[in-house]
Amino acid sequence: MSDKIYAPINVKARDGRFGQEFRISFRADKLLAFIEQHKTESGFINLVMTQRREVGKFKETHSVTLDTWEPNQSRRAEPVSGDDVPW
């Protein structure tokens, strides 16, 4: 498993009037640089937000990491021809 790449985002959960709310804050210049560095060939960036084990120094309750998962090309099923069908 690879090391996690943390996004420069602070997330704080709190109870709101209609359930849990998440306050998300970041410096625009740092987040834009992070996005530019880690975007996919098609221009997307995938992030994962997970609850922290302990509340952080600035009361952060969740952390945000880069989702680096990619489909494994070698595990895809190959098409079966008519001669290979077992029945």
Protein backbone atom coordinates (compact mmCIF):
# COMPACT_ATOMS: atom_id res chain seq x y z
CA MET A 1 0.00 0.00 0.00
CA SER A 2 1.34 3.41 -0.90
CA ASP A 3 1.71 6.37 1.42
CA LYS A 4 -1.23 8.72 1.65
CA ILE A 5 -1.01 12.11 -0.01
CA TYR A 6 -2.83 14.64 2.15
CA ALA A 7 -4.68 17.51 0.50
CA PRO A 8 -4.17 20.99 2.01
CA ILE A 9 -7.74 21.06 3.33
CA ASN A 10 -9.06 21.43 6.90
CA VAL A 11 -12.38 19.78 7.74
CA LYS A 12 -14.29 20.24 10.98
CA ALA A 13 -17.52 18.38 11.70
CA ARG A 14 -20.17 19.94 13.89
CA ASP A 15 -23.76 19.28 14.75
CA GLY A 16 -26.08 21.56 12.84
CA ARG A 17 -29.77 22.16 12.98
CA PHE A 18 -30.48 19.44 10.41
CA GLY A 19 -27.71 16.98 11.22
CA GLN A 20 -23.95 16.92 10.96
CA GLU A 21 -22.27 19.69 8.98
CA PHE A 22 -18.72 19.86 7.67
CA ARG A 23 -16.83 23.13 7.67
CA ILE A 24 -14.20 22.97 4.94
CA SER A 25 -11.41 25.52 4.68
CA PHE A 26 -8.29 25.85 2.56
CA ARG A 27 -5.94 28.41 1.07
CA ALA A 28 -6.96 28.80 -2.55
CA ASP A 29 -3.40 29.09 -3.88
CA LYS A 30 -2.24 25.93 -2.09
CA LEU A 31 -5.29 23.92 -3.15
CA LEU A 32 -5.00 25.06 -6.77
CA ALA A 33 -1.32 24.04 -6.81
CA PHE A 34 -2.23 20.65 -5.29
CA ILE A 35 -4.95 20.13 -7.92
CA GLU A 36 -2.63 21.12 -10.76
CA GLN A 37 0.06 18.73 -9.51
CA HIS A 38 -2.23 15.72 -8.97
CA LYS A 39 -4.98 15.98 -11.59
CA THR A 40 -5.49 13.04 -13.93
CA GLU A 41 -4.90 13.12 -17.67
CA SER A 42 -8.58 13.93 -18.14
CA GLY A 43 -8.38 16.82 -15.65
CA PHE A 44 -10.06 15.17 -12.66
CA ILE A 45 -8.90 14.90 -9.06
CA ASN A 46 -10.40 12.33 -6.69
CA LEU A 47 -10.31 12.93 -2.96
CA VAL A 48 -11.25 10.80 0.05
CA MET A 49 -12.43 12.33 3.34
CA THR A 50 -11.97 10.15 6.42
CA GLN A 51 -12.55 10.71 10.11
CA ARG A 52 -9.39 11.32 12.11
CA ARG A 53 -8.57 9.09 15.09
CA GLU A 54 -7.94 12.16 17.21
CA VAL A 55 -9.05 15.75 16.82
CA GLY A 56 -6.24 17.84 15.35
CA LYS A 57 -4.43 20.89 16.65
CA PHE A 58 -6.93 23.23 15.00
CA LYS A 59 -9.93 21.03 15.89
CA GLU A 60 -9.93 19.21 12.55
CA THR A 61 -12.13 16.11 12.77
CA HIS A 62 -11.52 14.73 9.27
CA SER A 63 -8.61 14.49 6.86
CA VAL A 64 -8.65 14.64 3.08
CA THR A 65 -6.34 12.50 0.97
CA LEU A 66 -5.76 11.99 -2.71
CA ASP A 67 -7.50 8.89 -4.08
CA THR A 68 -4.71 7.18 -6.03
CA TRP A 69 -6.65 4.02 -6.88
CA GLU A 70 -6.42 2.93 -10.51
CA PRO A 71 -8.08 -0.10 -12.07
CA ASN A 72 -5.75 -3.05 -12.53
CA GLN A 73 -5.64 -3.64 -16.29
CA SER A 74 -4.24 -7.17 -15.93
CA ARG A 75 -7.22 -8.37 -13.88
CA ARG A 76 -9.86 -7.53 -16.46
CA ALA A 77 -11.63 -10.52 -17.94
CA GLU A 78 -10.74 -11.36 -21.48
CA PRO A 79 -13.62 -11.99 -23.89
CA VAL A 80 -14.45 -15.64 -24.41
CA SER A 81 -14.66 -16.85 -28.00
CA GLY A 82 -17.27 -19.38 -29.10
CA ASP A 83 -14.66 -22.19 -29.12
CA ASP A 84 -13.76 -21.62 -25.46
CA VAL A 85 -17.29 -21.87 -24.06
CA PRO A 86 -17.45 -24.88 -21.71
CA TRP A 87 -21.00 -25.97 -22.65
